[in-house]
Amino acid sequence: MAGGISIHAVDVASGRPAEGLRVEIWRIESARTRIAEGRLGPNGQLDHPVTHGFGIEAGEYEVLFHLGEFFADGAGASFLTVTPFRFKIEEVDEHFHLPMKFTRWGYSLFRGA
């Protein structure tokens, strides 16, 4: 896949994809503009045109993972509320896959393949 931003999130404590986790993708350079918002599907991935490159330009971006909402199920409070991930895109033809592994207490974010 050429271009685009894809997200894949897994709750490693339960061993399941993060179905229902709300995420937002913002372009923050030069003016802050939300380019995508949605909830992750049963596979823990965002289904949105941005994954195919729609609306992607060179610049700095931020993804917001709303973990506090995700864990608002009464089974214990989440230490994390909103987890940001900032990164820069210089080559818009490159695909940026952003895997996230998390629990109520911590997370790992990176650029995947």
C-alpha atoms as a PDB file:
ATOM      1  CA  MET A   1       0.000   0.000   0.000  1.00  0.00           C
ATOM      2  CA  ALA A   2       1.475   3.376  -0.973  1.00  0.00           C
ATOM      3  CA  GLY A   3       0.773   6.429   1.133  1.00  0.00           C
ATOM      4  CA  GLY A   4      -1.594   6.762   4.050  1.00  0.00           C
ATOM      5  CA  ILE A   5      -1.662   6.319   7.800  1.00  0.00           C
ATOM      6  CA  SER A   6      -2.909   3.062   9.277  1.00  0.00           C
ATOM      7  CA  ILE A   7      -3.454   2.243  12.938  1.00  0.00           C
ATOM      8  CA  HIS A   8      -3.549  -1.134  14.630  1.00  0.00           C
ATOM      9  CA  ALA A   9      -4.065  -1.307  18.407  1.00  0.00           C
ATOM     10  CA  VAL A  10      -4.051  -4.287  20.767  1.00  0.00           C
ATOM     11  CA  ASP A  11      -4.919  -4.444  24.460  1.00  0.00           C
ATOM     12  CA  VAL A  12      -2.064  -6.743  25.481  1.00  0.00           C
ATOM     13  CA  ALA A  13      -3.500  -7.375  28.959  1.00  0.00           C
ATOM     14  CA  SER A  14      -6.546  -9.062  27.411  1.00  0.00           C
ATOM     15  CA  GLY A  15      -4.724 -10.241  24.280  1.00  0.00           C
ATOM     16  CA  ARG A  16      -7.445  -8.761  22.059  1.00  0.00           C
ATOM     17  CA  PRO A  17      -7.623  -6.093  19.350  1.00  0.00           C
ATOM     18  CA  ALA A  18      -8.807  -2.724  20.677  1.00  0.00           C
ATOM     19  CA  GLU A  19     -12.276  -2.816  19.113  1.00  0.00           C
ATOM     20  CA  GLY A  20     -14.112   0.431  19.856  1.00  0.00           C
ATOM     21  CA  LEU A  21     -11.043   2.498  20.785  1.00  0.00           C
ATOM     22  CA  ARG A  22     -11.607   6.065  19.565  1.00  0.00           C
ATOM     23  CA  VAL A  23      -8.732   7.648  17.676  1.00  0.00           C
ATOM     24  CA  GLU A  24      -8.220  11.018  16.025  1.00  0.00           C
ATOM     25  CA  ILE A  25      -5.600  11.943  13.443  1.00  0.00           C
ATOM     26  CA  TRP A  26      -4.587  15.600  13.252  1.00  0.00           C
ATOM     27  CA  ARG A  27      -2.310  17.436  10.855  1.00  0.00           C
ATOM     28  CA  ILE A  28      -0.677  19.973  13.165  1.00  0.00           C
ATOM     29  CA  GLU A  29       1.504  21.826  10.670  1.00  0.00           C
ATOM     30  CA  SER A  30       0.798  24.594   9.593  1.00  0.00           C
ATOM     31  CA  ALA A  31      -2.719  24.842  11.025  1.00  0.00           C
ATOM     32  CA  ARG A  32      -4.168  22.188  13.359  1.00  0.00           C
ATOM     33  CA  THR A  33      -6.720  20.227  11.300  1.00  0.00           C
ATOM     34  CA  ARG A  34      -8.411  16.942  12.177  1.00  0.00           C
ATOM     35  CA  ILE A  35      -8.216  14.696   9.119  1.00  0.00           C
ATOM     36  CA  ALA A  36      -9.726  11.523  10.603  1.00  0.00           C
ATOM     37  CA  GLU A  37     -11.705  10.317  13.589  1.00  0.00           C
ATOM     38  CA  GLY A  38     -13.268   6.968  14.277  1.00  0.00           C
ATOM     39  CA  ARG A  39     -13.396   3.821  16.354  1.00  0.00           C
ATOM     40  CA  LEU A  40     -11.252   0.806  15.676  1.00  0.00           C
ATOM     41  CA  GLY A  41     -13.023  -2.206  14.238  1.00  0.00           C
ATOM     42  CA  PRO A  42     -13.046  -5.839  15.424  1.00  0.00           C
ATOM     43  CA  ASN A  43      -9.540  -6.289  14.007  1.00  0.00           C
ATOM     44  CA  GLY A  44      -8.218  -3.295  16.008  1.00  0.00           C
ATOM     45  CA  GLN A  45      -7.728  -1.213  12.879  1.00  0.00           C
ATOM     46  CA  LEU A  46      -9.113   2.124  11.707  1.00  0.00           C
ATOM     47  CA  ASP A  47     -11.252   1.902   8.578  1.00  0.00           C
ATOM     48  CA  HIS A  48     -10.979   5.385   7.057  1.00  0.00           C
ATOM     49  CA  PRO A  49      -9.894   6.868   3.692  1.00  0.00           C
ATOM     50  CA  VAL A  50      -6.769   8.300   5.375  1.00  0.00           C
ATOM     51  CA  THR A  51      -5.371   4.744   5.412  1.00  0.00           C
ATOM     52  CA  HIS A  52      -5.184   4.944   1.614  1.00  0.00           C
ATOM     53  CA  GLY A  53      -3.554   8.366   1.561  1.00  0.00           C
ATOM     54  CA  PHE A  54      -6.660  10.568   1.385  1.00  0.00           C
ATOM     55  CA  GLY A  55      -5.849  13.998   2.853  1.00  0.00           C
ATOM     56  CA  ILE A  56      -2.178  13.243   3.575  1.00  0.00           C
ATOM     57  CA  GLU A  57       0.329  16.022   2.917  1.00  0.00           C
ATOM     58  CA  ALA A  58       3.901  16.545   4.043  1.00  0.00           C
ATOM     59  CA  GLY A  59       4.081  17.876   7.589  1.00  0.00           C
ATOM     60  CA  GLU A  60       3.740  17.009  11.247  1.00  0.00           C
ATOM     61  CA  TYR A  61       0.897  14.821  12.524  1.00  0.00           C
ATOM     62  CA  GLU A  62      -0.550  13.705  15.836  1.00  0.00           C
ATOM     63  CA  VAL A  63      -2.672  10.666  16.591  1.00  0.00           C
ATOM     64  CA  LEU A  64      -4.737  10.739  19.787  1.00  0.00           C
ATOM     65  CA  PHE A  65      -5.672   7.398  21.356  1.00  0.00           C
ATOM     66  CA  HIS A  66      -8.571   7.829  23.830  1.00  0.00           C
ATOM     67  CA  LEU A  67      -7.583   5.103  26.294  1.00  0.00           C
ATOM     68  CA  GLY A  68      -9.500   6.556  29.251  1.00  0.00           C
ATOM     69  CA  GLU A  69     -12.767   6.158  27.325  1.00  0.00           C
ATOM     70  CA  PHE A  70     -11.772   2.664  26.224  1.00  0.00           C
ATOM     71  CA  PHE A  71     -11.301   1.526  29.825  1.00  0.00           C
ATOM     72  CA  ALA A  72     -14.381   3.311  31.205  1.00  0.00           C
ATOM     73  CA  ASP A  73     -16.114  -0.032  31.724  1.00  0.00           C
ATOM     74  CA  GLY A  74     -16.159  -0.117  35.517  1.00  0.00           C
ATOM     75  CA  ALA A  75     -13.498  -2.843  35.747  1.00  0.00           C
ATOM     76  CA  GLY A  76     -10.952  -0.396  37.155  1.00  0.00           C
ATOM     77  CA  ALA A  77      -9.792   3.074  36.322  1.00  0.00           C
ATOM     78  CA  SER A  78      -7.339   3.746  33.545  1.00  0.00           C
ATOM     79  CA  PHE A  79      -4.162   5.557  34.501  1.00  0.00           C
ATOM     80  CA  LEU A  80      -3.926   6.883  30.923  1.00  0.00           C
ATOM     81  CA  THR A  81      -6.502   9.270  29.499  1.00  0.00           C
ATOM     82  CA  VAL A  82      -5.490  10.413  26.014  1.00  0.00           C
ATOM     83  CA  THR A  83      -2.218   9.156  24.576  1.00  0.00           C
ATOM     84  CA  PRO A  84      -0.688  11.320  21.818  1.00  0.00           C
ATOM     85  CA  PHE A  85       1.748  10.150  19.153  1.00  0.00           C
ATOM     86  CA  ARG A  86       3.471  12.860  17.064  1.00  0.00           C
ATOM     87  CA  PHE A  87       5.423  12.163  13.916  1.00  0.00           C
ATOM     88  CA  LYS A  88       6.510  13.841  10.679  1.00  0.00           C
ATOM     89  CA  ILE A  89       5.730  12.836   7.107  1.00  0.00           C
ATOM     90  CA  GLU A  90       8.151  14.020   4.464  1.00  0.00           C
ATOM     91  CA  GLU A  91       7.416  11.519   1.686  1.00  0.00           C
ATOM     92  CA  VAL A  92       3.643  11.314   1.160  1.00  0.00           C
ATOM     93  CA  ASP A  93       4.038   8.198  -1.021  1.00  0.00           C
ATOM     94  CA  GLU A  94       5.333   6.225   1.972  1.00  0.00           C
ATOM     95  CA  HIS A  95       2.848   4.329   4.116  1.00  0.00           C
ATOM     96  CA  PHE A  96       2.917   5.015   7.858  1.00  0.00           C
ATOM     97  CA  HIS A  97       1.692   2.029   9.873  1.00  0.00           C
ATOM     98  CA  LEU A  98       1.342   2.886  13.574  1.00  0.00           C
ATOM     99  CA  PRO A  99       0.945  -0.168  15.809  1.00  0.00           C
ATOM    100  CA  MET A 100       0.041   0.435  19.447  1.00  0.00           C
ATOM    101  CA  LYS A 101       0.250  -2.088  22.271  1.00  0.00           C
ATOM    102  CA  PHE A 102      -1.208  -1.000  25.588  1.00  0.00           C
ATOM    103  CA  THR A 103      -2.665  -1.799  28.992  1.00  0.00           C
ATOM    104  CA  ARG A 104      -4.432   0.433  31.531  1.00  0.00           C
ATOM    105  CA  TRP A 105      -0.994   1.445  32.822  1.00  0.00           C
ATOM    106  CA  GLY A 106       1.302   1.849  29.828  1.00  0.00           C
ATOM    107  CA  TYR A 107       1.756   1.685  26.085  1.00  0.00           C
ATOM    108  CA  SER A 108       4.205   1.178  23.238  1.00  0.00           C
ATOM    109  CA  LEU A 109       3.948   3.056  19.948  1.00  0.00           C
ATOM    110  CA  PHE A 110       6.183   2.729  16.929  1.00  0.00           C
ATOM    111  CA  ARG A 111       6.268   2.921  13.154  1.00  0.00           C
ATOM    112  CA  GLY A 112       5.709  -0.544  11.790  1.00  0.00           C
ATOM    113  CA  ALA A 113       6.186  -2.055   8.388  1.00  0.00           C
END
